[in-house]
C-alpha atoms as a PDB file:
ATOM      1  CA  MET A   1      18.951 -89.037 -13.174  1.00  0.00           C
ATOM      2  CA  ALA A   2      19.524 -91.030  -9.998  1.00  0.00           C
ATOM      3  CA  GLY A   3      22.670 -89.024  -9.312  1.00  0.00           C
ATOM      4  CA  ILE A   4      20.863 -85.679  -9.255  1.00  0.00           C
ATOM      5  CA  LYS A   5      20.645 -84.247  -5.770  1.00  0.00           C
ATOM      6  CA  GLY A   6      17.428 -82.753  -4.422  1.00  0.00           C
ATOM      7  CA  LYS A   7      18.852 -81.300  -1.219  1.00  0.00           C
ATOM      8  CA  ASN A   8      22.110 -79.659  -0.209  1.00  0.00           C
ATOM      9  CA  THR A   9      23.075 -78.704  -3.745  1.00  0.00           C
ATOM     10  CA  ALA A  10      26.003 -76.338  -4.341  1.00  0.00           C
ATOM     11  CA  PRO A  11      23.736 -73.309  -5.070  1.00  0.00           C
ATOM     12  CA  GLU A  12      21.670 -74.062  -1.958  1.00  0.00           C
ATOM     13  CA  ILE A  13      24.783 -74.257   0.209  1.00  0.00           C
ATOM     14  CA  ARG A  14      26.053 -70.934  -1.226  1.00  0.00           C
ATOM     15  CA  VAL A  15      22.760 -69.244  -0.302  1.00  0.00           C
ATOM     16  CA  ARG A  16      22.684 -70.759   3.185  1.00  0.00           C
ATOM     17  CA  SER A  17      26.312 -69.821   3.872  1.00  0.00           C
ATOM     18  CA  TYR A  18      25.741 -66.248   2.758  1.00  0.00           C
ATOM     19  CA  LEU A  19      22.617 -65.909   4.910  1.00  0.00           C
ATOM     20  CA  HIS A  20      24.368 -67.399   7.939  1.00  0.00           C
ATOM     21  CA  ARG A  21      27.403 -65.111   7.529  1.00  0.00           C
ATOM     22  CA  HIS A  22      25.017 -62.154   7.560  1.00  0.00           C
ATOM     23  CA  GLY A  23      23.351 -63.170  10.802  1.00  0.00           C
ATOM     24  CA  PHE A  24      20.237 -64.939   9.550  1.00  0.00           C
ATOM     25  CA  ARG A  25      19.128 -68.071  11.366  1.00  0.00           C
ATOM     26  CA  PHE A  26      16.873 -70.480   9.573  1.00  0.00           C
ATOM     27  CA  ARG A  27      15.439 -73.964   9.271  1.00  0.00           C
ATOM     28  CA  LEU A  28      16.107 -76.287   6.349  1.00  0.00           C
ATOM     29  CA  HIS A  29      13.659 -78.095   4.077  1.00  0.00           C
ATOM     30  CA  GLY A  30      10.424 -77.164   5.860  1.00  0.00           C
ATOM     31  CA  ARG A  31       8.610 -80.489   5.607  1.00  0.00           C
ATOM     32  CA  GLN A  32       5.382 -79.078   7.019  1.00  0.00           C
ATOM     33  CA  LEU A  33       5.163 -76.367   4.324  1.00  0.00           C
ATOM     34  CA  PRO A  34       3.984 -76.757   0.715  1.00  0.00           C
ATOM     35  CA  GLY A  35       6.914 -77.502  -1.570  1.00  0.00           C
ATOM     36  CA  LYS A  36       9.346 -78.150   1.302  1.00  0.00           C
ATOM     37  CA  PRO A  37      11.198 -74.822   0.911  1.00  0.00           C
ATOM     38  CA  ASP A  38      14.991 -75.026   0.991  1.00  0.00           C
ATOM     39  CA  VAL A  39      15.311 -72.283   3.612  1.00  0.00           C
ATOM     40  CA  VAL A  40      12.670 -71.216   6.146  1.00  0.00           C
ATOM     41  CA  LEU A  41      13.149 -67.934   8.011  1.00  0.00           C
ATOM     42  CA  PRO A  42      10.431 -68.050  10.704  1.00  0.00           C
ATOM     43  CA  LYS A  43      11.390 -64.657  12.174  1.00  0.00           C
ATOM     44  CA  TYR A  44      10.685 -62.988   8.812  1.00  0.00           C
ATOM     45  CA  ARG A  45       7.827 -65.372   7.905  1.00  0.00           C
ATOM     46  CA  THR A  46       9.722 -65.952   4.666  1.00  0.00           C
ATOM     47  CA  VAL A  47      10.690 -69.057   2.721  1.00  0.00           C
ATOM     48  CA  ILE A  48      13.384 -69.333   0.067  1.00  0.00           C
ATOM     49  CA  PHE A  49      13.441 -71.812  -2.768  1.00  0.00           C
ATOM     50  CA  VAL A  50      16.809 -72.340  -4.465  1.00  0.00           C
ATOM     51  CA  HIS A  51      15.917 -73.538  -7.947  1.00  0.00           C
ATOM     52  CA  GLY A  52      18.049 -75.039 -10.672  1.00  0.00           C
ATOM     53  CA  CYS A  53      17.541 -73.067 -13.872  1.00  0.00           C
ATOM     54  CA  PHE A  54      17.141 -76.196 -16.006  1.00  0.00           C
ATOM     55  CA  TRP A  55      14.751 -78.113 -13.746  1.00  0.00           C
ATOM     56  CA  HIS A  56      12.484 -75.192 -12.881  1.00  0.00           C
ATOM     57  CA  ARG A  57      12.505 -73.340 -16.239  1.00  0.00           C
ATOM     58  CA  HIS A  58      14.190 -70.023 -15.438  1.00  0.00           C
ATOM     59  CA  ARG A  59      12.889 -67.809 -18.232  1.00  0.00           C
ATOM     60  CA  GLY A  60      15.562 -66.219 -20.375  1.00  0.00           C
ATOM     61  CA  CYS A  61      18.385 -68.217 -18.810  1.00  0.00           C
ATOM     62  CA  PRO A  62      20.757 -70.141 -21.094  1.00  0.00           C
ATOM     63  CA  PHE A  63      20.752 -73.032 -18.593  1.00  0.00           C
ATOM     64  CA  ALA A  64      16.983 -73.499 -19.069  1.00  0.00           C
ATOM     65  CA  TYR A  65      17.316 -75.185 -22.441  1.00  0.00           C
ATOM     66  CA  SER A  66      15.007 -77.926 -23.702  1.00  0.00           C
ATOM     67  CA  PRO A  67      16.673 -81.257 -24.499  1.00  0.00           C
ATOM     68  CA  ARG A  68      16.202 -82.401 -28.084  1.00  0.00           C
ATOM     69  CA  GLY A  69      16.065 -86.122 -27.380  1.00  0.00           C
ATOM     70  CA  ASN A  70      12.734 -87.411 -26.091  1.00  0.00           C
ATOM     71  CA  ALA A  71      11.348 -83.858 -26.369  1.00  0.00           C
ATOM     72  CA  GLY A  72       7.778 -84.786 -25.414  1.00  0.00           C
ATOM     73  CA  PHE A  73       8.841 -86.331 -22.123  1.00  0.00           C
ATOM     74  CA  TRP A  74      11.080 -83.404 -21.198  1.00  0.00           C
ATOM     75  CA  LYS A  75       8.505 -80.767 -22.092  1.00  0.00           C
ATOM     76  CA  ALA A  76       5.872 -82.436 -19.911  1.00  0.00           C
ATOM     77  CA  LYS A  77       8.331 -83.012 -17.067  1.00  0.00           C
ATOM     78  CA  LEU A  78       9.780 -79.490 -16.994  1.00  0.00           C
ATOM     79  CA  ASP A  79       6.445 -77.722 -17.558  1.00  0.00           C
ATOM     80  CA  GLY A  80       4.997 -79.829 -14.741  1.00  0.00           C
ATOM     81  CA  ASN A  81       7.803 -78.710 -12.413  1.00  0.00           C
ATOM     82  CA  ALA A  82       7.115 -75.044 -13.214  1.00  0.00           C
ATOM     83  CA  GLU A  83       3.352 -75.454 -12.676  1.00  0.00           C
ATOM     84  CA  ARG A  84       3.904 -77.224  -9.351  1.00  0.00           C
ATOM     85  CA  ASP A  85       6.256 -74.438  -8.227  1.00  0.00           C
ATOM     86  CA  GLN A  86       3.594 -71.852  -9.042  1.00  0.00           C
ATOM     87  CA  ARG A  87       0.909 -73.767  -7.091  1.00  0.00           C
ATOM     88  CA  GLN A  88       3.180 -74.110  -4.065  1.00  0.00           C
ATOM     89  CA  ARG A  89       4.071 -70.409  -4.055  1.00  0.00           C
ATOM     90  CA  LYS A  90       0.375 -69.559  -4.161  1.00  0.00           C
ATOM     91  CA  GLU A  91      -0.397 -71.905  -1.234  1.00  0.00           C
ATOM     92  CA  LEU A  92       2.419 -70.424   0.836  1.00  0.00           C
ATOM     93  CA  ARG A  93       1.248 -66.858   0.194  1.00  0.00           C
ATOM     94  CA  LYS A  94      -2.299 -67.814   1.195  1.00  0.00           C
ATOM     95  CA  SER A  95      -0.852 -69.108   4.472  1.00  0.00           C
ATOM     96  CA  GLY A  96       0.833 -65.751   5.108  1.00  0.00           C
ATOM     97  CA  TRP A  97       4.390 -66.597   4.019  1.00  0.00           C
ATOM     98  CA  LYS A  98       6.574 -64.384   1.857  1.00  0.00           C
ATOM     99  CA  VAL A  99       8.192 -66.407  -0.907  1.00  0.00           C
ATOM    100  CA  ARG A 100      11.596 -65.781  -2.475  1.00  0.00           C
ATOM    101  CA  THR A 101      13.127 -67.759  -5.317  1.00  0.00           C
ATOM    102  CA  VAL A 102      16.875 -67.774  -5.868  1.00  0.00           C
ATOM    103  CA  TRP A 103      17.928 -69.169  -9.219  1.00  0.00           C
ATOM    104  CA  GLU A 104      21.067 -71.256  -9.650  1.00  0.00           C
ATOM    105  CA  CYS A 105      22.564 -68.633 -11.994  1.00  0.00           C
ATOM    106  CA  GLU A 106      21.920 -65.893  -9.408  1.00  0.00           C
ATOM    107  CA  THR A 107      23.931 -67.209  -6.473  1.00  0.00           C
ATOM    108  CA  ASP A 108      26.749 -64.718  -6.909  1.00  0.00           C
ATOM    109  CA  GLU A 109      27.664 -61.988  -4.411  1.00  0.00           C
ATOM    110  CA  LYS A 110      25.607 -59.277  -6.129  1.00  0.00           C
ATOM    111  CA  HIS A 111      22.348 -61.240  -6.200  1.00  0.00           C
ATOM    112  CA  LEU A 112      22.773 -62.599  -2.684  1.00  0.00           C
ATOM    113  CA  ARG A 113      23.381 -59.077  -1.380  1.00  0.00           C
ATOM    114  CA  GLN A 114      20.079 -58.039  -3.007  1.00  0.00           C
ATOM    115  CA  LEU A 115      18.364 -61.020  -1.378  1.00  0.00           C
ATOM    116  CA  VAL A 116      19.583 -60.007   2.079  1.00  0.00           C
ATOM    117  CA  SER A 117      18.640 -56.356   1.633  1.00  0.00           C
ATOM    118  CA  GLY A 118      15.179 -57.428   0.422  1.00  0.00           C
ATOM    119  CA  LEU A 119      14.737 -59.655   3.457  1.00  0.00           C
ATOM    120  CA  LEU A 120      15.689 -56.806   5.774  1.00  0.00           C
ATOM    121  CA  ARG A 121      13.203 -54.479   4.031  1.00  0.00           C
ATOM    122  CA  GLY A 122      10.499 -57.156   4.138  1.00  0.00           C
ATOM    123  CA  ASN A 123      10.233 -57.587   0.366  1.00  0.00           C
ATOM    124  CA  ALA A 124       9.403 -60.892  -1.286  1.00  0.00           C
ATOM    125  CA  ASP A 125       9.099 -62.084  -4.877  1.00  0.00           C
END
């Protein structure tokens, strides 16, 4: 597990590149915000989390499987990640931020286009 990156992952870089190509300017890894969002768009008062489907339990996704070995550990670990994500989203909304989540399996052109159009319309979640 030591080799697993927490920042600058391939899906995160795809999202950032797409946003930048479409004229969005942003900050990275907002340390002062709950959950340290991957992308912070101050102009839109919006944060974006780029989540791995496995680690953050993307419902219905084939990448969000549960390992068979040491099942108790993995269930507690992965359920804890999902609960923490939910708490952090709630805190951010209370502070007046719009919260978007981009899943690892949704970093293709179609989904990123929807993300950008939602940002321009002011939609979140």
